Structure formats: structure tokens, C-alpha cells
Amino acid sequence: MLADIAVYGPTPERGRPRVVEGAYAWPGRPVRVPWPMAVKDEEFVPPRGRGRPDWASWPEEERPHLVSWPPLLPDFTAHWARHGQQTWMDDAGIKRALKVERMGHTDSSMSGRYGHPTEGMREQLVDVEQALWENAVSERYKIWPTSLIPALDAELARWRDGTARQIVSQFSPRNRRRARPA
């Protein structure tokens, strides 16, 4: 994943904001441009053209400070994340119409033509994803109770101070056994 860790000053009336020297925002903001993987022991040349900014031509004080974060798991890709999302929705009993919409697919079957997601379906999905998130944070808390990433540390703080709510088991959001904070 490509991220920009630079901290920028106020946006001027014209041009790009300037980088605040010596200030860094970890873990950075994702940069959403196509970017090739670097090859070990080969000099990396940033790509140009086809929607990619030519950052090398920008004045130094306006250039993003780019870092590349490796995947969390070996060979983990966005494609694998989609597989996980589909599996979680299957496990939670999310209706087909909402799964198709969520995955960005089209369903030309008869049920796909006439079936549509409802607010109730969306609320069920929000509940499922909230339970998965709460469980992920509680599991992370068991590994280490703090984080250098401010957003994650704020979530972990609820576990440290005992205000985190009980969560649904990660194995199935439909399973009503509740997990207890560690």
C-alpha cells in the first residue's frame, strides 16, 4: 500500500499546500494512484503518466513523502479482502441482493432483477460489521493495549479504561454468546 506521511500547511489560494518540514503523519494517508511493486535489489523509478502525478517535477516543499507498507499477511491482496467480505456476509446470513450490491456485481437472474436491498438488510450488515470490528479491536487489545496509530489507540483506550461494550463472537455474528473484555 502506498501512503503519504507528509503533514501539509494551509492550502494557499493558488497552487499546492506546502509540506511542514520535520512533521510526519503515521501511518500516512493512502495514495490512490496505480503504483507498481518495487523489486528487491533494483533501483525504483516512480512511474509517470496514465493518471500518475509526476511528483519528481514538483518543488521539494510540495512533494508528498511516500512510504510503502507491506501487506499484513503474506500474499494478502485487495482481492483476498473481497473474499473475506463475501465469507463474512455468507456467515451472517446477509441477503443476496445486498451482497451483490456490496460486492459491486450485477445479478441478471430473475431474483436479481426483482430483488432489491432494503434498509433492514443494510442495518443488519452494519450490525454484523460493527460486531466484527469490535471483536477485532478486542483481539488486538490482547496482543498489545496501545498503538502508535491515533485512531486505533483511541479504540484501544475503551478497552484500557473498561468502557468497551460486550461484543458478539467472531465466529458467527448470529451467535449470541457474548465475549468479555480481556
C-alpha atoms as a PDB file:
ATOM      1  CA  MET A   1       0.000   0.000   0.000  1.00  0.00           C
ATOM      2  CA  LEU A   2       1.326   3.418  -0.935  1.00  0.00           C
ATOM      3  CA  ALA A   3       0.858   6.165   1.678  1.00  0.00           C
ATOM      4  CA  ASP A   4       1.792   9.832   2.095  1.00  0.00           C
ATOM      5  CA  ILE A   5       3.212  10.602   5.554  1.00  0.00           C
ATOM      6  CA  ALA A   6       3.777  14.331   4.963  1.00  0.00           C
ATOM      7  CA  VAL A   7       1.941  16.938   7.041  1.00  0.00           C
ATOM      8  CA  TYR A   8       0.755  19.895   4.978  1.00  0.00           C
ATOM      9  CA  GLY A   9       0.243  23.526   5.905  1.00  0.00           C
ATOM     10  CA  PRO A  10      -2.835  25.541   4.963  1.00  0.00           C
ATOM     11  CA  THR A  11      -3.996  25.365   1.364  1.00  0.00           C
ATOM     12  CA  PRO A  12      -2.967  28.530  -0.498  1.00  0.00           C
ATOM     13  CA  GLU A  13      -5.301  30.362  -2.877  1.00  0.00           C
ATOM     14  CA  ARG A  14      -3.223  29.063  -5.787  1.00  0.00           C
ATOM     15  CA  GLY A  15      -1.051  26.000  -6.042  1.00  0.00           C
ATOM     16  CA  ARG A  16      -0.488  23.079  -3.722  1.00  0.00           C
ATOM     17  CA  PRO A  17      -0.103  23.218   0.050  1.00  0.00           C
ATOM     18  CA  ARG A  18       3.449  23.150   1.363  1.00  0.00           C
ATOM     19  CA  VAL A  19       4.855  20.322   3.442  1.00  0.00           C
ATOM     20  CA  VAL A  20       5.530  21.155   7.106  1.00  0.00           C
ATOM     21  CA  GLU A  21       9.222  20.386   7.485  1.00  0.00           C
ATOM     22  CA  GLY A  22      10.034  17.653  10.011  1.00  0.00           C
ATOM     23  CA  ALA A  23       6.385  16.728  10.690  1.00  0.00           C
ATOM     24  CA  TYR A  24       5.105  13.283   9.756  1.00  0.00           C
ATOM     25  CA  ALA A  25       1.649  11.712   9.985  1.00  0.00           C
ATOM     26  CA  TRP A  26       1.991   7.998  10.734  1.00  0.00           C
ATOM     27  CA  PRO A  27       0.865   5.653   9.270  1.00  0.00           C
ATOM     28  CA  GLY A  28       0.011   8.131   6.500  1.00  0.00           C
ATOM     29  CA  ARG A  29      -2.916   8.695   4.168  1.00  0.00           C
ATOM     30  CA  PRO A  30      -3.399   6.144   1.400  1.00  0.00           C
ATOM     31  CA  VAL A  31      -2.403   7.411  -2.050  1.00  0.00           C
ATOM     32  CA  ARG A  32      -4.874   6.117  -4.570  1.00  0.00           C
ATOM     33  CA  VAL A  33      -2.864   6.007  -7.773  1.00  0.00           C
ATOM     34  CA  PRO A  34      -1.759   2.906  -9.684  1.00  0.00           C
ATOM     35  CA  TRP A  35       1.698   2.018  -8.411  1.00  0.00           C
ATOM     36  CA  PRO A  36       3.930  -0.937  -9.292  1.00  0.00           C
ATOM     37  CA  MET A  37       5.657  -3.095  -6.691  1.00  0.00           C
ATOM     38  CA  ALA A  38       9.350  -2.433  -6.094  1.00  0.00           C
ATOM     39  CA  VAL A  39      11.761  -5.234  -6.958  1.00  0.00           C
ATOM     40  CA  LYS A  40      14.389  -6.136  -4.379  1.00  0.00           C
ATOM     41  CA  ASP A  41      17.944  -5.049  -5.271  1.00  0.00           C
ATOM     42  CA  GLU A  42      16.718  -2.928  -8.208  1.00  0.00           C
ATOM     43  CA  GLU A  43      16.570   0.869  -8.212  1.00  0.00           C
ATOM     44  CA  PHE A  44      12.963   2.030  -8.021  1.00  0.00           C
ATOM     45  CA  VAL A  45      11.905   4.657 -10.540  1.00  0.00           C
ATOM     46  CA  PRO A  46       8.493   6.183  -9.765  1.00  0.00           C
ATOM     47  CA  PRO A  47       6.133   5.735 -12.713  1.00  0.00           C
ATOM     48  CA  ARG A  48       4.755   8.701 -14.646  1.00  0.00           C
ATOM     49  CA  GLY A  49       1.798   9.191 -16.931  1.00  0.00           C
ATOM     50  CA  ARG A  50      -1.564   7.381 -17.107  1.00  0.00           C
ATOM     51  CA  GLY A  51      -3.099   9.270 -14.207  1.00  0.00           C
ATOM     52  CA  ARG A  52       0.017   9.288 -12.027  1.00  0.00           C
ATOM     53  CA  PRO A  53       1.367  12.659 -10.894  1.00  0.00           C
ATOM     54  CA  ASP A  54       4.952  13.463 -11.861  1.00  0.00           C
ATOM     55  CA  TRP A  55       5.949  14.228  -8.272  1.00  0.00           C
ATOM     56  CA  ALA A  56       9.631  14.458  -9.201  1.00  0.00           C
ATOM     57  CA  SER A  57       8.888  17.670 -11.124  1.00  0.00           C
ATOM     58  CA  TRP A  58       7.167  19.321  -8.130  1.00  0.00           C
ATOM     59  CA  PRO A  59       9.160  21.700  -5.918  1.00  0.00           C
ATOM     60  CA  GLU A  60      10.623  19.821  -2.933  1.00  0.00           C
ATOM     61  CA  GLU A  61       8.448  21.701  -0.415  1.00  0.00           C
ATOM     62  CA  GLU A  62       5.252  20.484  -2.162  1.00  0.00           C
ATOM     63  CA  ARG A  63       6.167  16.829  -2.780  1.00  0.00           C
ATOM     64  CA  PRO A  64       4.411  14.091  -0.826  1.00  0.00           C
ATOM     65  CA  HIS A  65       6.582  11.918   1.386  1.00  0.00           C
ATOM     66  CA  LEU A  66       5.746   8.464   0.118  1.00  0.00           C
ATOM     67  CA  VAL A  67       6.111   5.213   2.015  1.00  0.00           C
ATOM     68  CA  SER A  68       5.026   1.740   1.064  1.00  0.00           C
ATOM     69  CA  TRP A  69       3.511  -0.565   3.660  1.00  0.00           C
ATOM     70  CA  PRO A  70       3.801  -4.300   3.123  1.00  0.00           C
ATOM     71  CA  PRO A  71       0.660  -6.450   3.325  1.00  0.00           C
ATOM     72  CA  LEU A  72      -0.457  -7.560   6.787  1.00  0.00           C
ATOM     73  CA  LEU A  73      -0.234 -11.191   5.732  1.00  0.00           C
ATOM     74  CA  PRO A  74       1.989 -12.784   3.077  1.00  0.00           C
ATOM     75  CA  ASP A  75       0.356 -12.541  -0.361  1.00  0.00           C
ATOM     76  CA  PHE A  76      -2.613 -10.583   1.079  1.00  0.00           C
ATOM     77  CA  THR A  77      -4.277  -8.507  -1.630  1.00  0.00           C
ATOM     78  CA  ALA A  78      -7.440  -6.454  -2.021  1.00  0.00           C
ATOM     79  CA  HIS A  79      -8.836  -9.447  -3.910  1.00  0.00           C
ATOM     80  CA  TRP A  80      -8.403 -11.630  -0.814  1.00  0.00           C
ATOM     81  CA  ALA A  81     -10.103  -8.952   1.289  1.00  0.00           C
ATOM     82  CA  ARG A  82     -13.122  -9.250  -1.022  1.00  0.00           C
ATOM     83  CA  HIS A  83     -13.176 -12.998  -0.393  1.00  0.00           C
ATOM     84  CA  GLY A  84     -13.231 -12.299   3.342  1.00  0.00           C
ATOM     85  CA  GLN A  85     -16.055  -9.785   2.980  1.00  0.00           C
ATOM     86  CA  GLN A  86     -18.136 -12.281   0.990  1.00  0.00           C
ATOM     87  CA  THR A  87     -17.490 -15.043   3.546  1.00  0.00           C
ATOM     88  CA  TRP A  88     -18.493 -12.794   6.483  1.00  0.00           C
ATOM     89  CA  MET A  89     -21.715 -11.837   4.728  1.00  0.00           C
ATOM     90  CA  ASP A  90     -22.469 -15.501   3.927  1.00  0.00           C
ATOM     91  CA  ASP A  91     -21.844 -16.488   7.552  1.00  0.00           C
ATOM     92  CA  ALA A  92     -24.104 -13.697   8.826  1.00  0.00           C
ATOM     93  CA  GLY A  93     -26.982 -14.638   6.517  1.00  0.00           C
ATOM     94  CA  ILE A  94     -26.953 -11.351   4.596  1.00  0.00           C
ATOM     95  CA  LYS A  95     -29.487 -11.455   1.754  1.00  0.00           C
ATOM     96  CA  ARG A  96     -28.229 -11.991  -1.783  1.00  0.00           C
ATOM     97  CA  ALA A  97     -29.494  -8.639  -3.093  1.00  0.00           C
ATOM     98  CA  LEU A  98     -27.334  -6.722  -0.607  1.00  0.00           C
ATOM     99  CA  LYS A  99     -24.297  -8.976  -1.105  1.00  0.00           C
ATOM    100  CA  VAL A 100     -24.458  -8.441  -4.873  1.00  0.00           C
ATOM    101  CA  GLU A 101     -24.707  -4.674  -4.415  1.00  0.00           C
ATOM    102  CA  ARG A 102     -21.940  -4.603  -1.797  1.00  0.00           C
ATOM    103  CA  MET A 103     -19.529  -6.593  -3.967  1.00  0.00           C
ATOM    104  CA  GLY A 104     -20.254  -4.394  -6.993  1.00  0.00           C
ATOM    105  CA  HIS A 105     -21.626  -7.265  -9.052  1.00  0.00           C
ATOM    106  CA  THR A 106     -24.708  -7.474 -11.240  1.00  0.00           C
ATOM    107  CA  ASP A 107     -27.278 -10.238 -10.924  1.00  0.00           C
ATOM    108  CA  SER A 108     -29.204 -10.803 -14.130  1.00  0.00           C
ATOM    109  CA  SER A 109     -31.227 -13.703 -12.705  1.00  0.00           C
ATOM    110  CA  MET A 110     -34.953 -13.291 -12.108  1.00  0.00           C
ATOM    111  CA  SER A 111     -34.461 -12.882  -8.346  1.00  0.00           C
ATOM    112  CA  GLY A 112     -31.700 -10.338  -9.028  1.00  0.00           C
ATOM    113  CA  ARG A 113     -33.922  -8.375 -11.379  1.00  0.00           C
ATOM    114  CA  TYR A 114     -36.796  -8.087  -8.897  1.00  0.00           C
ATOM    115  CA  GLY A 115     -34.993  -8.239  -5.537  1.00  0.00           C
ATOM    116  CA  HIS A 116     -33.524  -5.077  -4.041  1.00  0.00           C
ATOM    117  CA  PRO A 117     -31.658  -4.278  -0.805  1.00  0.00           C
ATOM    118  CA  THR A 118     -33.772  -2.758   1.974  1.00  0.00           C
ATOM    119  CA  GLU A 119     -32.883  -0.546   4.924  1.00  0.00           C
ATOM    120  CA  GLY A 120     -33.412  -3.526   7.226  1.00  0.00           C
ATOM    121  CA  MET A 121     -30.823  -5.515   5.263  1.00  0.00           C
ATOM    122  CA  ARG A 122     -28.375  -2.628   5.465  1.00  0.00           C
ATOM    123  CA  GLU A 123     -28.944  -2.265   9.217  1.00  0.00           C
ATOM    124  CA  GLN A 124     -28.259  -5.987   9.646  1.00  0.00           C
ATOM    125  CA  LEU A 125     -24.996  -5.613   7.691  1.00  0.00           C
ATOM    126  CA  VAL A 126     -23.964  -2.619   9.826  1.00  0.00           C
ATOM    127  CA  ASP A 127     -24.619  -4.671  12.995  1.00  0.00           C
ATOM    128  CA  VAL A 128     -22.547  -7.563  11.629  1.00  0.00           C
ATOM    129  CA  GLU A 129     -19.637  -5.344  10.615  1.00  0.00           C
ATOM    130  CA  GLN A 130     -19.749  -3.488  13.946  1.00  0.00           C
ATOM    131  CA  ALA A 131     -19.530  -6.811  15.787  1.00  0.00           C
ATOM    132  CA  LEU A 132     -16.602  -7.906  13.598  1.00  0.00           C
ATOM    133  CA  TRP A 133     -14.838  -4.583  14.233  1.00  0.00           C
ATOM    134  CA  GLU A 134     -15.383  -4.724  17.997  1.00  0.00           C
ATOM    135  CA  ASN A 135     -14.055  -8.265  18.078  1.00  0.00           C
ATOM    136  CA  ALA A 136     -11.005  -7.324  16.003  1.00  0.00           C
ATOM    137  CA  VAL A 137     -10.189  -4.462  18.409  1.00  0.00           C
ATOM    138  CA  SER A 138     -10.596  -6.737  21.441  1.00  0.00           C
ATOM    139  CA  GLU A 139      -8.257  -9.298  19.844  1.00  0.00           C
ATOM    140  CA  ARG A 140      -5.751  -6.521  19.088  1.00  0.00           C
ATOM    141  CA  TYR A 141      -6.009  -5.359  22.717  1.00  0.00           C
ATOM    142  CA  LYS A 142      -5.000  -8.842  23.864  1.00  0.00           C
ATOM    143  CA  ILE A 143      -1.841  -8.614  21.741  1.00  0.00           C
ATOM    144  CA  TRP A 144      -0.844  -5.126  22.975  1.00  0.00           C
ATOM    145  CA  PRO A 145      -3.013  -2.498  24.714  1.00  0.00           C
ATOM    146  CA  THR A 146      -1.663   0.597  22.922  1.00  0.00           C
ATOM    147  CA  SER A 147      -0.910   1.707  19.373  1.00  0.00           C
ATOM    148  CA  LEU A 148       1.116   4.484  17.752  1.00  0.00           C
ATOM    149  CA  ILE A 149      -1.746   4.945  15.293  1.00  0.00           C
ATOM    150  CA  PRO A 150      -4.048   7.543  16.930  1.00  0.00           C
ATOM    151  CA  ALA A 151      -7.341   6.158  15.577  1.00  0.00           C
ATOM    152  CA  LEU A 152      -6.543   2.630  16.743  1.00  0.00           C
ATOM    153  CA  ASP A 153      -5.208   3.846  20.087  1.00  0.00           C
ATOM    154  CA  ALA A 154      -8.490   5.704  20.695  1.00  0.00           C
ATOM    155  CA  GLU A 155     -10.377   2.443  20.122  1.00  0.00           C
ATOM    156  CA  LEU A 156      -7.990   0.517  22.379  1.00  0.00           C
ATOM    157  CA  ALA A 157      -8.443   3.176  25.090  1.00  0.00           C
ATOM    158  CA  ARG A 158     -12.035   1.982  25.564  1.00  0.00           C
ATOM    159  CA  TRP A 159     -10.616  -1.434  26.496  1.00  0.00           C
ATOM    160  CA  ARG A 160      -7.939   0.060  28.742  1.00  0.00           C
ATOM    161  CA  ASP A 161     -10.439   2.141  30.714  1.00  0.00           C
ATOM    162  CA  GLY A 162     -13.112  -0.577  30.770  1.00  0.00           C
ATOM    163  CA  THR A 163     -15.786   1.264  28.756  1.00  0.00           C
ATOM    164  CA  ALA A 164     -15.762  -1.102  25.763  1.00  0.00           C
ATOM    165  CA  ARG A 165     -19.102  -2.814  25.212  1.00  0.00           C
ATOM    166  CA  GLN A 166     -19.553  -6.531  25.066  1.00  0.00           C
ATOM    167  CA  ILE A 167     -19.222  -7.995  21.595  1.00  0.00           C
ATOM    168  CA  VAL A 168     -20.544 -10.857  19.543  1.00  0.00           C
ATOM    169  CA  SER A 169     -18.285 -13.867  18.992  1.00  0.00           C
ATOM    170  CA  GLN A 170     -16.131 -13.518  15.878  1.00  0.00           C
ATOM    171  CA  PHE A 171     -17.060 -16.975  14.617  1.00  0.00           C
ATOM    172  CA  SER A 172     -20.607 -16.002  13.778  1.00  0.00           C
ATOM    173  CA  PRO A 173     -22.320 -12.660  14.331  1.00  0.00           C
ATOM    174  CA  ARG A 174     -25.573 -14.648  14.666  1.00  0.00           C
ATOM    175  CA  ASN A 175     -24.139 -16.487  17.657  1.00  0.00           C
ATOM    176  CA  ARG A 176     -25.453 -14.617  20.692  1.00  0.00           C
ATOM    177  CA  ARG A 177     -22.756 -15.754  23.119  1.00  0.00           C
ATOM    178  CA  ARG A 178     -21.014 -12.609  24.247  1.00  0.00           C
ATOM    179  CA  ALA A 179     -17.265 -12.161  24.519  1.00  0.00           C
ATOM    180  CA  ARG A 180     -15.865 -10.470  27.610  1.00  0.00           C
ATOM    181  CA  PRO A 181     -13.100  -7.836  27.567  1.00  0.00           C
ATOM    182  CA  ALA A 182      -9.705  -9.313  28.400  1.00  0.00           C
END
